[in-house]
């Protein structure tokens, strides 16, 4: 039995090995053919289990990828909101600066003298 498998699986494997040994002990072509067919069926069973595990893993990977994309989308949305707020504040500050300087420029006063 392989490590990490349950007692039930180990007992089933042991029973299968004993069955194959009995078939081989009978001798002849039929005994060997029965063992070969059993080996093929066992390999198919392992292949089916491996395919099922692969499908489960693929589903888990797709789920994690979807979760990752949602998280990154939310993170990007938050960063863009911060950027837009900063740009709005910058625009407001720039507008106020021009509103302070423009009347002086229209009257011909040097704007360097108007710094707060």
PDB file of N, CA and C in Angstrom:
ATOM      1  N   UNK A   1       0.842  -1.194   0.000  1.00  0.00           N
ATOM      2  CA  UNK A   1       0.000   0.000   0.000  1.00  0.00           C
ATOM      3  C   UNK A   1       0.872   1.237   0.000  1.00  0.00           C
ATOM      4  N   UNK A   2       0.397   2.284  -0.611  1.00  0.00           N
ATOM      5  CA  UNK A   2       1.132   3.542  -0.652  1.00  0.00           C
ATOM      6  C   UNK A   2       0.930   4.291   0.652  1.00  0.00           C
ATOM      7  N   UNK A   3       1.924   5.073   1.097  1.00  0.00           N
ATOM      8  CA  UNK A   3       1.758   5.865   2.323  1.00  0.00           C
ATOM      9  C   UNK A   3       0.626   6.864   2.162  1.00  0.00           C
ATOM     10  N   UNK A   4      -0.105   7.071   3.249  1.00  0.00           N
ATOM     11  CA  UNK A   4      -1.142   8.094   3.231  1.00  0.00           C
ATOM     12  C   UNK A   4      -2.492   7.563   2.782  1.00  0.00           C
ATOM     13  N   UNK A   5      -2.567   6.309   2.383  1.00  0.00           N
ATOM     14  CA  UNK A   5      -3.850   5.741   1.965  1.00  0.00           C
ATOM     15  C   UNK A   5      -4.484   5.059   3.169  1.00  0.00           C
ATOM     16  N   UNK A   6      -5.791   4.935   3.115  1.00  0.00           N
ATOM     17  CA  UNK A   6      -6.524   4.345   4.220  1.00  0.00           C
ATOM     18  C   UNK A   6      -6.369   2.843   4.298  1.00  0.00           C
ATOM     19  N   UNK A   7      -6.776   2.272   5.428  1.00  0.00           N
ATOM     20  CA  UNK A   7      -6.687   0.833   5.643  1.00  0.00           C
ATOM     21  C   UNK A   7      -7.553   0.080   4.644  1.00  0.00           C
ATOM     22  N   UNK A   8      -8.687   0.670   4.279  1.00  0.00           N
ATOM     23  CA  UNK A   8      -9.582   0.037   3.308  1.00  0.00           C
ATOM     24  C   UNK A   8      -8.886  -0.135   1.968  1.00  0.00           C
ATOM     25  N   UNK A   9      -8.224   0.898   1.515  1.00  0.00           N
ATOM     26  CA  UNK A   9      -7.521   0.843   0.235  1.00  0.00           C
ATOM     27  C   UNK A   9      -6.387  -0.168   0.293  1.00  0.00           C
ATOM     28  N   UNK A  10      -5.658  -0.200   1.389  1.00  0.00           N
ATOM     29  CA  UNK A  10      -4.558  -1.144   1.542  1.00  0.00           C
ATOM     30  C   UNK A  10      -5.087  -2.576   1.520  1.00  0.00           C
ATOM     31  N   UNK A  11      -6.200  -2.818   2.183  1.00  0.00           N
ATOM     32  CA  UNK A  11      -6.779  -4.159   2.204  1.00  0.00           C
ATOM     33  C   UNK A  11      -7.244  -4.560   0.811  1.00  0.00           C
ATOM     34  N   UNK A  12      -7.836  -3.619   0.063  1.00  0.00           N
ATOM     35  CA  UNK A  12      -8.293  -3.907  -1.293  1.00  0.00           C
ATOM     36  C   UNK A  12      -7.113  -4.231  -2.204  1.00  0.00           C
ATOM     37  N   UNK A  13      -6.030  -3.494  -2.057  1.00  0.00           N
ATOM     38  CA  UNK A  13      -4.843  -3.761  -2.866  1.00  0.00           C
ATOM     39  C   UNK A  13      -4.252  -5.124  -2.535  1.00  0.00           C
ATOM     40  N   UNK A  14      -4.213  -5.466  -1.250  1.00  0.00           N
ATOM     41  CA  UNK A  14      -3.686  -6.760  -0.825  1.00  0.00           C
ATOM     42  C   UNK A  14      -4.551  -7.890  -1.388  1.00  0.00           C
ATOM     43  N   UNK A  15      -5.866  -7.730  -1.337  1.00  0.00           N
ATOM     44  CA  UNK A  15      -6.775  -8.749  -1.867  1.00  0.00           C
ATOM     45  C   UNK A  15      -6.571  -8.916  -3.369  1.00  0.00           C
ATOM     46  N   UNK A  16      -6.370  -7.820  -4.068  1.00  0.00           N
ATOM     47  CA  UNK A  16      -6.151  -7.885  -5.519  1.00  0.00           C
ATOM     48  C   UNK A  16      -4.840  -8.594  -5.833  1.00  0.00           C
ATOM     49  N   UNK A  17      -3.801  -8.320  -5.068  1.00  0.00           N
ATOM     50  CA  UNK A  17      -2.519  -8.994  -5.286  1.00  0.00           C
ATOM     51  C   UNK A  17      -2.651 -10.499  -5.048  1.00  0.00           C
ATOM     52  N   UNK A  18      -3.389 -10.886  -4.014  1.00  0.00           N
ATOM     53  CA  UNK A  18      -3.599 -12.303  -3.727  1.00  0.00           C
ATOM     54  C   UNK A  18      -4.393 -12.971  -4.859  1.00  0.00           C
ATOM     55  N   UNK A  19      -5.392 -12.270  -5.377  1.00  0.00           N
ATOM     56  CA  UNK A  19      -6.190 -12.807  -6.478  1.00  0.00           C
ATOM     57  C   UNK A  19      -5.309 -13.049  -7.706  1.00  0.00           C
ATOM     58  N   UNK A  20      -4.450 -12.072  -8.010  1.00  0.00           N
ATOM     59  CA  UNK A  20      -3.548 -12.233  -9.155  1.00  0.00           C
ATOM     60  C   UNK A  20      -2.585 -13.400  -8.937  1.00  0.00           C
ATOM     61  N   UNK A  21      -2.097 -13.538  -7.726  1.00  0.00           N
ATOM     62  CA  UNK A  21      -1.174 -14.646  -7.426  1.00  0.00           C
ATOM     63  C   UNK A  21      -1.875 -15.987  -7.638  1.00  0.00           C
ATOM     64  N   UNK A  22      -3.129 -16.100  -7.215  1.00  0.00           N
ATOM     65  CA  UNK A  22      -3.882 -17.343  -7.414  1.00  0.00           C
ATOM     66  C   UNK A  22      -4.065 -17.631  -8.904  1.00  0.00           C
ATOM     67  N   UNK A  23      -4.415 -16.586  -9.682  1.00  0.00           N
ATOM     68  CA  UNK A  23      -4.602 -16.777 -11.122  1.00  0.00           C
ATOM     69  C   UNK A  23      -3.313 -17.235 -11.796  1.00  0.00           C
ATOM     70  N   UNK A  24      -2.195 -16.625 -11.402  1.00  0.00           N
ATOM     71  CA  UNK A  24      -0.914 -17.024 -11.986  1.00  0.00           C
ATOM     72  C   UNK A  24      -0.553 -18.441 -11.578  1.00  0.00           C
ATOM     73  N   UNK A  25      -0.885 -18.809 -10.351  1.00  0.00           N
ATOM     74  CA  UNK A  25      -0.577 -20.157  -9.860  1.00  0.00           C
ATOM     75  C   UNK A  25      -1.354 -21.208 -10.651  1.00  0.00           C
ATOM     76  N   UNK A  26      -2.517 -20.858 -11.172  1.00  0.00           N
ATOM     77  CA  UNK A  26      -3.297 -21.785 -11.986  1.00  0.00           C
ATOM     78  C   UNK A  26      -2.551 -22.124 -13.277  1.00  0.00           C
ATOM     79  N   UNK A  27      -1.709 -21.188 -13.681  1.00  0.00           N
ATOM     80  CA  UNK A  27      -0.892 -21.413 -14.866  1.00  0.00           C
ATOM     81  C   UNK A  27      -1.693 -21.287 -16.145  1.00  0.00           C
ATOM     82  N   UNK A  28      -1.018 -21.502 -17.220  1.00  0.00           N
ATOM     83  CA  UNK A  28      -1.656 -21.479 -18.519  1.00  0.00           C
ATOM     84  C   UNK A  28      -1.924 -20.075 -19.024  1.00  0.00           C
ATOM     85  N   UNK A  29      -2.419 -20.038 -20.247  1.00  0.00           N
ATOM     86  CA  UNK A  29      -2.707 -18.782 -20.930  1.00  0.00           C
ATOM     87  C   UNK A  29      -3.840 -18.042 -20.254  1.00  0.00           C
ATOM     88  N   UNK A  30      -4.849 -18.783 -19.790  1.00  0.00           N
ATOM     89  CA  UNK A  30      -6.006 -18.126 -19.179  1.00  0.00           C
ATOM     90  C   UNK A  30      -5.619 -17.375 -17.912  1.00  0.00           C
ATOM     91  N   UNK A  31      -4.746 -17.959 -17.116  1.00  0.00           N
ATOM     92  CA  UNK A  31      -4.298 -17.288 -15.891  1.00  0.00           C
ATOM     93  C   UNK A  31      -3.543 -16.007 -16.194  1.00  0.00           C
ATOM     94  N   UNK A  32      -2.621 -16.078 -17.155  1.00  0.00           N
ATOM     95  CA  UNK A  32      -1.858 -14.881 -17.541  1.00  0.00           C
ATOM     96  C   UNK A  32      -2.766 -13.831 -18.171  1.00  0.00           C
ATOM     97  N   UNK A  33      -3.714 -14.282 -18.993  1.00  0.00           N
ATOM     98  CA  UNK A  33      -4.630 -13.350 -19.639  1.00  0.00           C
ATOM     99  C   UNK A  33      -5.503 -12.660 -18.595  1.00  0.00           C
ATOM    100  N   UNK A  34      -5.962 -13.400 -17.609  1.00  0.00           N
ATOM    101  CA  UNK A  34      -6.792 -12.812 -16.555  1.00  0.00           C
ATOM    102  C   UNK A  34      -6.006 -11.766 -15.782  1.00  0.00           C
ATOM    103  N   UNK A  35      -4.736 -12.075 -15.510  1.00  0.00           N
ATOM    104  CA  UNK A  35      -3.897 -11.100 -14.794  1.00  0.00           C
ATOM    105  C   UNK A  35      -3.677  -9.878 -15.676  1.00  0.00           C
ATOM    106  N   UNK A  36      -3.414 -10.062 -16.966  1.00  0.00           N
ATOM    107  CA  UNK A  36      -3.203  -8.931 -17.865  1.00  0.00           C
ATOM    108  C   UNK A  36      -4.452  -8.064 -17.944  1.00  0.00           C
ATOM    109  N   UNK A  37      -5.603  -8.694 -18.058  1.00  0.00           N
ATOM    110  CA  UNK A  37      -6.849  -7.927 -18.101  1.00  0.00           C
ATOM    111  C   UNK A  37      -7.071  -7.180 -16.794  1.00  0.00           C
ATOM    112  N   UNK A  38      -6.740  -7.843 -15.681  1.00  0.00           N
ATOM    113  CA  UNK A  38      -6.878  -7.178 -14.381  1.00  0.00           C
ATOM    114  C   UNK A  38      -5.927  -5.990 -14.294  1.00  0.00           C
ATOM    115  N   UNK A  39      -4.722  -6.158 -14.809  1.00  0.00           N
ATOM    116  CA  UNK A  39      -3.750  -5.054 -14.801  1.00  0.00           C
ATOM    117  C   UNK A  39      -4.255  -3.884 -15.629  1.00  0.00           C
ATOM    118  N   UNK A  40      -4.853  -4.201 -16.786  1.00  0.00           N
ATOM    119  CA  UNK A  40      -5.395  -3.150 -17.647  1.00  0.00           C
ATOM    120  C   UNK A  40      -6.522  -2.422 -16.922  1.00  0.00           C
ATOM    121  N   UNK A  41      -7.414  -3.175 -16.289  1.00  0.00           N
ATOM    122  CA  UNK A  41      -8.521  -2.546 -15.554  1.00  0.00           C
ATOM    123  C   UNK A  41      -8.005  -1.694 -14.404  1.00  0.00           C
ATOM    124  N   UNK A  42      -6.981  -2.207 -13.718  1.00  0.00           N
ATOM    125  CA  UNK A  42      -6.389  -1.433 -12.616  1.00  0.00           C
ATOM    126  C   UNK A  42      -5.776  -0.132 -13.147  1.00  0.00           C
ATOM    127  N   UNK A  43      -5.085  -0.220 -14.272  1.00  0.00           N
ATOM    128  CA  UNK A  43      -4.479   0.977 -14.872  1.00  0.00           C
ATOM    129  C   UNK A  43      -5.557   1.959 -15.301  1.00  0.00           C
ATOM    130  N   UNK A  44      -6.666   1.436 -15.854  1.00  0.00           N
ATOM    131  CA  UNK A  44      -7.764   2.331 -16.232  1.00  0.00           C
ATOM    132  C   UNK A  44      -8.343   3.030 -15.011  1.00  0.00           C
ATOM    133  N   UNK A  45      -8.488   2.274 -13.938  1.00  0.00           N
ATOM    134  CA  UNK A  45      -9.000   2.873 -12.703  1.00  0.00           C
ATOM    135  C   UNK A  45      -8.091   3.980 -12.200  1.00  0.00           C
ATOM    136  N   UNK A  46      -6.774   3.715 -12.205  1.00  0.00           N
ATOM    137  CA  UNK A  46      -5.821   4.744 -11.774  1.00  0.00           C
ATOM    138  C   UNK A  46      -5.868   5.942 -12.701  1.00  0.00           C
ATOM    139  N   UNK A  47      -6.012   5.684 -14.009  1.00  0.00           N
ATOM    140  CA  UNK A  47      -6.086   6.771 -14.983  1.00  0.00           C
ATOM    141  C   UNK A  47      -7.341   7.612 -14.742  1.00  0.00           C
ATOM    142  N   UNK A  48      -8.476   6.952 -14.495  1.00  0.00           N
ATOM    143  CA  UNK A  48      -9.716   7.685 -14.226  1.00  0.00           C
ATOM    144  C   UNK A  48      -9.584   8.547 -12.971  1.00  0.00           C
ATOM    145  N   UNK A  49      -8.976   7.971 -11.929  1.00  0.00           N
ATOM    146  CA  UNK A  49      -8.782   8.746 -10.694  1.00  0.00           C
ATOM    147  C   UNK A  49      -7.853   9.933 -10.942  1.00  0.00           C
ATOM    148  N   UNK A  50      -6.788   9.703 -11.704  1.00  0.00           N
ATOM    149  CA  UNK A  50      -5.843  10.786 -12.004  1.00  0.00           C
ATOM    150  C   UNK A  50      -6.529  11.874 -12.825  1.00  0.00           C
ATOM    151  N   UNK A  51      -7.362  11.458 -13.771  1.00  0.00           N
ATOM    152  CA  UNK A  51      -8.074  12.446 -14.587  1.00  0.00           C
ATOM    153  C   UNK A  51      -9.047  13.242 -13.732  1.00  0.00           C
ATOM    154  N   UNK A  52      -9.715  12.576 -12.808  1.00  0.00           N
ATOM    155  CA  UNK A  52     -10.639  13.278 -11.914  1.00  0.00           C
ATOM    156  C   UNK A  52      -9.876  14.275 -11.043  1.00  0.00           C
ATOM    157  N   UNK A  53      -8.712  13.848 -10.516  1.00  0.00           N
ATOM    158  CA  UNK A  53      -7.902  14.774  -9.710  1.00  0.00           C
ATOM    159  C   UNK A  53      -7.432  15.957 -10.546  1.00  0.00           C
ATOM    160  N   UNK A  54      -7.062  15.704 -11.809  1.00  0.00           N
ATOM    161  CA  UNK A  54      -6.622  16.784 -12.697  1.00  0.00           C
ATOM    162  C   UNK A  54      -7.759  17.763 -12.961  1.00  0.00           C
ATOM    163  N   UNK A  55      -8.965  17.240 -13.164  1.00  0.00           N
ATOM    164  CA  UNK A  55     -10.119  18.117 -13.392  1.00  0.00           C
ATOM    165  C   UNK A  55     -10.438  18.941 -12.154  1.00  0.00           C
ATOM    166  N   UNK A  56     -10.328  18.318 -10.977  1.00  0.00           N
ATOM    167  CA  UNK A  56     -10.560  19.056  -9.732  1.00  0.00           C
ATOM    168  C   UNK A  56      -9.521  20.159  -9.562  1.00  0.00           C
ATOM    169  N   UNK A  57      -8.272  19.829  -9.871  1.00  0.00           N
ATOM    170  CA  UNK A  57      -7.198  20.819  -9.772  1.00  0.00           C
ATOM    171  C   UNK A  57      -7.420  21.956 -10.753  1.00  0.00           C
ATOM    172  N   UNK A  58      -7.811  21.628 -11.978  1.00  0.00           N
ATOM    173  CA  UNK A  58      -8.069  22.665 -12.984  1.00  0.00           C
ATOM    174  C   UNK A  58      -9.211  23.573 -12.531  1.00  0.00           C
ATOM    175  N   UNK A  59     -10.254  22.982 -11.948  1.00  0.00           N
ATOM    176  CA  UNK A  59     -11.373  23.797 -11.448  1.00  0.00           C
ATOM    177  C   UNK A  59     -10.902  24.705 -10.323  1.00  0.00           C
ATOM    178  N   UNK A  60     -10.050  24.195  -9.440  1.00  0.00           N
ATOM    179  CA  UNK A  60      -9.524  25.007  -8.341  1.00  0.00           C
ATOM    180  C   UNK A  60      -8.662  26.141  -8.873  1.00  0.00           C
ATOM    181  N   UNK A  61      -7.840  25.856  -9.883  1.00  0.00           N
ATOM    182  CA  UNK A  61      -6.981  26.891 -10.480  1.00  0.00           C
ATOM    183  C   UNK A  61      -7.844  27.972 -11.128  1.00  0.00           C
ATOM    184  N   UNK A  62      -8.900  27.544 -11.866  1.00  0.00           N
ATOM    185  CA  UNK A  62      -9.785  28.532 -12.483  1.00  0.00           C
ATOM    186  C   UNK A  62     -10.466  29.394 -11.417  1.00  0.00           C
ATOM    187  N   UNK A  63     -10.885  28.776 -10.333  1.00  0.00           N
ATOM    188  CA  UNK A  63     -11.541  29.514  -9.249  1.00  0.00           C
ATOM    189  C   UNK A  63     -10.579  30.527  -8.624  1.00  0.00           C
ATOM    190  N   UNK A  64      -9.354  30.100  -8.356  1.00  0.00           N
ATOM    191  CA  UNK A  64      -8.355  30.998  -7.767  1.00  0.00           C
ATOM    192  C   UNK A  64      -7.996  32.126  -8.727  1.00  0.00           C
ATOM    193  N   UNK A  65      -7.916  31.817 -10.007  1.00  0.00           N
ATOM    194  CA  UNK A  65      -7.607  32.851 -10.998  1.00  0.00           C
ATOM    195  C   UNK A  65      -8.731  33.879 -11.052  1.00  0.00           C
ATOM    196  N   UNK A  66      -9.954  33.414 -10.989  1.00  0.00           N
ATOM    197  CA  UNK A  66     -11.100  34.323 -10.994  1.00  0.00           C
ATOM    198  C   UNK A  66     -11.081  35.208  -9.744  1.00  0.00           C
ATOM    199  N   UNK A  67     -10.793  34.605  -8.589  1.00  0.00           N
ATOM    200  CA  UNK A  67     -10.710  35.371  -7.346  1.00  0.00           C
ATOM    201  C   UNK A  67      -9.586  36.410  -7.432  1.00  0.00           C
ATOM    202  N   UNK A  68      -8.443  36.011  -7.977  1.00  0.00           N
ATOM    203  CA  UNK A  68      -7.307  36.916  -8.138  1.00  0.00           C
ATOM    204  C   UNK A  68      -7.677  38.092  -9.037  1.00  0.00           C
ATOM    205  N   UNK A  69      -8.345  37.799 -10.135  1.00  0.00           N
ATOM    206  CA  UNK A  69      -8.741  38.875 -11.059  1.00  0.00           C
ATOM    207  C   UNK A  69      -9.712  39.839 -10.394  1.00  0.00           C
ATOM    208  N   UNK A  70     -10.676  39.312  -9.627  1.00  0.00           N
ATOM    209  CA  UNK A  70     -11.617  40.199  -8.916  1.00  0.00           C
ATOM    210  C   UNK A  70     -10.879  41.084  -7.921  1.00  0.00           C
ATOM    211  N   UNK A  71      -9.950  40.488  -7.173  1.00  0.00           N
ATOM    212  CA  UNK A  71      -9.193  41.256  -6.183  1.00  0.00           C
ATOM    213  C   UNK A  71      -8.370  42.350  -6.862  1.00  0.00           C
ATOM    214  N   UNK A  72      -7.704  42.021  -7.958  1.00  0.00           N
ATOM    215  CA  UNK A  72      -6.893  43.016  -8.657  1.00  0.00           C
ATOM    216  C   UNK A  72      -7.769  44.102  -9.276  1.00  0.00           C
ATOM    217  N   UNK A  73      -8.939  43.733  -9.747  1.00  0.00           N
ATOM    218  CA  UNK A  73      -9.862  44.714 -10.313  1.00  0.00           C
ATOM    219  C   UNK A  73     -10.301  45.704  -9.235  1.00  0.00           C
ATOM    220  N   UNK A  74     -10.625  45.183  -8.047  1.00  0.00           N
ATOM    221  CA  UNK A  74     -11.018  46.070  -6.943  1.00  0.00           C
ATOM    222  C   UNK A  74      -9.853  46.963  -6.524  1.00  0.00           C
ATOM    223  N   UNK A  75      -8.661  46.403  -6.493  1.00  0.00           N
ATOM    224  CA  UNK A  75      -7.473  47.181  -6.125  1.00  0.00           C
ATOM    225  C   UNK A  75      -7.225  48.297  -7.143  1.00  0.00           C
ATOM    226  N   UNK A  76      -7.328  47.981  -8.415  1.00  0.00           N
ATOM    227  CA  UNK A  76      -7.128  48.982  -9.470  1.00  0.00           C
ATOM    228  C   UNK A  76      -8.195  50.062  -9.382  1.00  0.00           C
ATOM    229  N   UNK A  77      -9.441  49.656  -9.146  1.00  0.00           N
ATOM    230  CA  UNK A  77     -10.534  50.626  -9.019  1.00  0.00           C
ATOM    231  C   UNK A  77     -10.246  51.607  -7.870  1.00  0.00           C
ATOM    232  N   UNK A  78      -9.765  51.072  -6.742  1.00  0.00           N
ATOM    233  CA  UNK A  78      -9.423  51.930  -5.610  1.00  0.00           C
ATOM    234  C   UNK A  78      -8.299  52.899  -5.938  1.00  0.00           C
ATOM    235  N   UNK A  79      -7.275  52.412  -6.629  1.00  0.00           N
ATOM    236  CA  UNK A  79      -6.160  53.288  -6.995  1.00  0.00           C
ATOM    237  C   UNK A  79      -6.614  54.375  -7.960  1.00  0.00           C
ATOM    238  N   UNK A  80      -7.476  54.021  -8.901  1.00  0.00           N
ATOM    239  CA  UNK A  80      -7.979  55.024  -9.843  1.00  0.00           C
ATOM    240  C   UNK A  80      -8.826  56.074  -9.131  1.00  0.00           C
ATOM    241  N   UNK A  81      -9.617  55.664  -8.146  1.00  0.00           N
ATOM    242  CA  UNK A  81     -10.415  56.632  -7.383  1.00  0.00           C
ATOM    243  C   UNK A  81      -9.510  57.619  -6.646  1.00  0.00           C
ATOM    244  N   UNK A  82      -8.443  57.117  -6.039  1.00  0.00           N
ATOM    245  CA  UNK A  82      -7.485  57.993  -5.354  1.00  0.00           C
ATOM    246  C   UNK A  82      -6.850  58.948  -6.356  1.00  0.00           C
ATOM    247  N   UNK A  83      -6.466  58.445  -7.524  1.00  0.00           N
ATOM    248  CA  UNK A  83      -5.860  59.284  -8.549  1.00  0.00           C
ATOM    249  C   UNK A  83      -6.823  60.381  -9.003  1.00  0.00           C
ATOM    250  N   UNK A  84      -8.082  60.032  -9.223  1.00  0.00           N
ATOM    251  CA  UNK A  84      -9.068  61.021  -9.673  1.00  0.00           C
ATOM    252  C   UNK A  84      -9.256  62.090  -8.600  1.00  0.00           C
ATOM    253  N   UNK A  85      -9.339  61.670  -7.323  1.00  0.00           N
ATOM    254  CA  UNK A  85      -9.481  62.667  -6.236  1.00  0.00           C
ATOM    255  C   UNK A  85      -8.278  63.615  -6.203  1.00  0.00           C
ATOM    256  N   UNK A  86      -7.080  63.054  -6.382  1.00  0.00           N
ATOM    257  CA  UNK A  86      -5.876  63.896  -6.398  1.00  0.00           C
ATOM    258  C   UNK A  86      -5.929  64.879  -7.567  1.00  0.00           C
ATOM    259  N   UNK A  87      -6.350  64.413  -8.736  1.00  0.00           N
ATOM    260  CA  UNK A  87      -6.435  65.291  -9.899  1.00  0.00           C
ATOM    261  C   UNK A  87      -7.485  66.383  -9.688  1.00  0.00           C
ATOM    262  N   UNK A  88      -8.603  66.033  -9.062  1.00  0.00           N
ATOM    263  CA  UNK A  88      -9.622  67.047  -8.766  1.00  0.00           C
ATOM    264  C   UNK A  88      -9.078  68.106  -7.807  1.00  0.00           C
ATOM    265  N   UNK A  89      -8.358  67.653  -6.776  1.00  0.00           N
ATOM    266  CA  UNK A  89      -7.783  68.602  -5.820  1.00  0.00           C
ATOM    267  C   UNK A  89      -6.749  69.483  -6.507  1.00  0.00           C
ATOM    268  N   UNK A  90      -5.904  68.874  -7.347  1.00  0.00           N
ATOM    269  CA  UNK A  90      -4.912  69.652  -8.082  1.00  0.00           C
ATOM    270  C   UNK A  90      -5.593  70.683  -8.977  1.00  0.00           C
ATOM    271  N   UNK A  91      -6.660  70.265  -9.674  1.00  0.00           N
ATOM    272  CA  UNK A  91      -7.387  71.193 -10.544  1.00  0.00           C
ATOM    273  C   UNK A  91      -7.998  72.340  -9.755  1.00  0.00           C
ATOM    274  N   UNK A  92      -8.552  72.024  -8.590  1.00  0.00           N
ATOM    275  CA  UNK A  92      -9.139  73.069  -7.734  1.00  0.00           C
ATOM    276  C   UNK A  92      -8.060  74.044  -7.248  1.00  0.00           C
ATOM    277  N   UNK A  93      -6.939  73.485  -6.800  1.00  0.00           N
ATOM    278  CA  UNK A  93      -5.829  74.338  -6.344  1.00  0.00           C
ATOM    279  C   UNK A  93      -5.311  75.229  -7.471  1.00  0.00           C
ATOM    280  N   UNK A  94      -5.201  74.674  -8.672  1.00  0.00           N
ATOM    281  CA  UNK A  94      -4.721  75.442  -9.812  1.00  0.00           C
ATOM    282  C   UNK A  94      -5.701  76.559 -10.168  1.00  0.00           C
ATOM    283  N   UNK A  95      -6.981  76.219 -10.129  1.00  0.00           N
ATOM    284  CA  UNK A  95      -7.997  77.236 -10.428  1.00  0.00           C
ATOM    285  C   UNK A  95      -7.925  78.391  -9.414  1.00  0.00           C
ATOM    286  N   UNK A  96      -7.784  78.065  -8.132  1.00  0.00           N
ATOM    287  CA  UNK A  96      -7.695  79.104  -7.098  1.00  0.00           C
ATOM    288  C   UNK A  96      -6.453  79.960  -7.284  1.00  0.00           C
ATOM    289  N   UNK A  97      -5.345  79.325  -7.674  1.00  0.00           N
ATOM    290  CA  UNK A  97      -4.113  80.089  -7.906  1.00  0.00           C
ATOM    291  C   UNK A  97      -4.305  81.071  -9.067  1.00  0.00           C
ATOM    292  N   UNK A  98      -4.932  80.616 -10.132  1.00  0.00           N
ATOM    293  CA  UNK A  98      -5.173  81.516 -11.261  1.00  0.00           C
ATOM    294  C   UNK A  98      -6.149  82.630 -10.879  1.00  0.00           C
ATOM    295  N   UNK A  99      -7.139  82.315 -10.072  1.00  0.00           N
ATOM    296  CA  UNK A  99      -8.089  83.349  -9.650  1.00  0.00           C
ATOM    297  C   UNK A  99      -7.409  84.420  -8.806  1.00  0.00           C
ATOM    298  N   UNK A 100      -6.368  84.037  -8.049  1.00  0.00           N
ATOM    299  CA  UNK A 100      -5.615  85.031  -7.262  1.00  0.00           C
ATOM    300  C   UNK A 100      -4.706  85.870  -8.162  1.00  0.00           C
ATOM    301  N   UNK A 101      -4.097  85.241  -9.160  1.00  0.00           N
ATOM    302  CA  UNK A 101      -3.080  85.913  -9.964  1.00  0.00           C
ATOM    303  C   UNK A 101      -3.683  86.702 -11.125  1.00  0.00           C
ATOM    304  N   UNK A 102      -4.758  86.227 -11.712  1.00  0.00           N
ATOM    305  CA  UNK A 102      -5.306  86.829 -12.915  1.00  0.00           C
ATOM    306  C   UNK A 102      -5.641  88.320 -12.771  1.00  0.00           C
ATOM    307  N   UNK A 103      -6.313  88.765 -11.713  1.00  0.00           N
ATOM    308  CA  UNK A 103      -6.604  90.204 -11.615  1.00  0.00           C
ATOM    309  C   UNK A 103      -5.330  91.066 -11.615  1.00  0.00           C
ATOM    310  N   UNK A 104      -4.297  90.563 -10.945  1.00  0.00           N
ATOM    311  CA  UNK A 104      -3.042  91.325 -10.911  1.00  0.00           C
ATOM    312  C   UNK A 104      -2.391  91.374 -12.280  1.00  0.00           C
ATOM    313  N   UNK A 105      -2.452  90.261 -13.005  1.00  0.00           N
ATOM    314  CA  UNK A 105      -1.883  90.246 -14.350  1.00  0.00           C
ATOM    315  C   UNK A 105      -2.627  91.214 -15.266  1.00  0.00           C
ATOM    316  N   UNK A 106      -3.951  91.262 -15.091  1.00  0.00           N
ATOM    317  CA  UNK A 106      -4.742  92.165 -15.912  1.00  0.00           C
ATOM    318  C   UNK A 106      -4.412  93.621 -15.608  1.00  0.00           C
ATOM    319  N   UNK A 107      -3.980  93.901 -14.373  1.00  0.00           N
ATOM    320  CA  UNK A 107      -3.625  95.278 -13.989  1.00  0.00           C
ATOM    321  C   UNK A 107      -2.144  95.552 -14.196  1.00  0.00           C
ATOM    322  N   UNK A 108      -1.385  94.546 -14.622  1.00  0.00           N
ATOM    323  CA  UNK A 108       0.046  94.764 -14.923  1.00  0.00           C
ATOM    324  C   UNK A 108       0.938  94.618 -13.719  1.00  0.00           C
ATOM    325  N   UNK A 109       0.525  93.997 -12.647  1.00  0.00           N
ATOM    326  CA  UNK A 109       1.357  93.817 -11.449  1.00  0.00           C
ATOM    327  C   UNK A 109       2.145  92.522 -11.614  1.00  0.00           C
ATOM    328  N   UNK A 110       3.404  92.527 -11.122  1.00  0.00           N
ATOM    329  CA  UNK A 110       4.258  91.351 -11.188  1.00  0.00           C
ATOM    330  C   UNK A 110       3.714  90.246 -10.283  1.00  0.00           C
ATOM    331  N   UNK A 111       3.375  89.046 -10.812  1.00  0.00           N
ATOM    332  CA  UNK A 111       2.779  87.982 -10.009  1.00  0.00           C
ATOM    333  C   UNK A 111       3.707  87.486  -8.904  1.00  0.00           C
ATOM    334  N   UNK A 112       5.012  87.649  -9.049  1.00  0.00           N
ATOM    335  CA  UNK A 112       5.955  87.200  -8.022  1.00  0.00           C
ATOM    336  C   UNK A 112       5.728  87.943  -6.721  1.00  0.00           C
ATOM    337  N   UNK A 113       5.178  89.137  -6.790  1.00  0.00           N
ATOM    338  CA  UNK A 113       4.935  89.933  -5.591  1.00  0.00           C
ATOM    339  C   UNK A 113       3.665  89.486  -4.860  1.00  0.00           C
ATOM    340  N   UNK A 114       2.849  88.638  -5.493  1.00  0.00           N
ATOM    341  CA  UNK A 114       1.550  88.247  -4.935  1.00  0.00           C
ATOM    342  C   UNK A 114       1.560  86.909  -4.204  1.00  0.00           C
ATOM    343  N   UNK A 115       2.684  86.283  -4.047  1.00  0.00           N
ATOM    344  CA  UNK A 115       2.720  84.972  -3.384  1.00  0.00           C
ATOM    345  C   UNK A 115       2.217  85.073  -1.970  1.00  0.00           C
ATOM    346  N   UNK A 116       1.399  84.099  -1.555  1.00  0.00           N
ATOM    347  CA  UNK A 116       0.849  84.149  -0.183  1.00  0.00           C
ATOM    348  C   UNK A 116       1.869  83.787   0.863  1.00  0.00           C
TER     349      UNK A 116
END
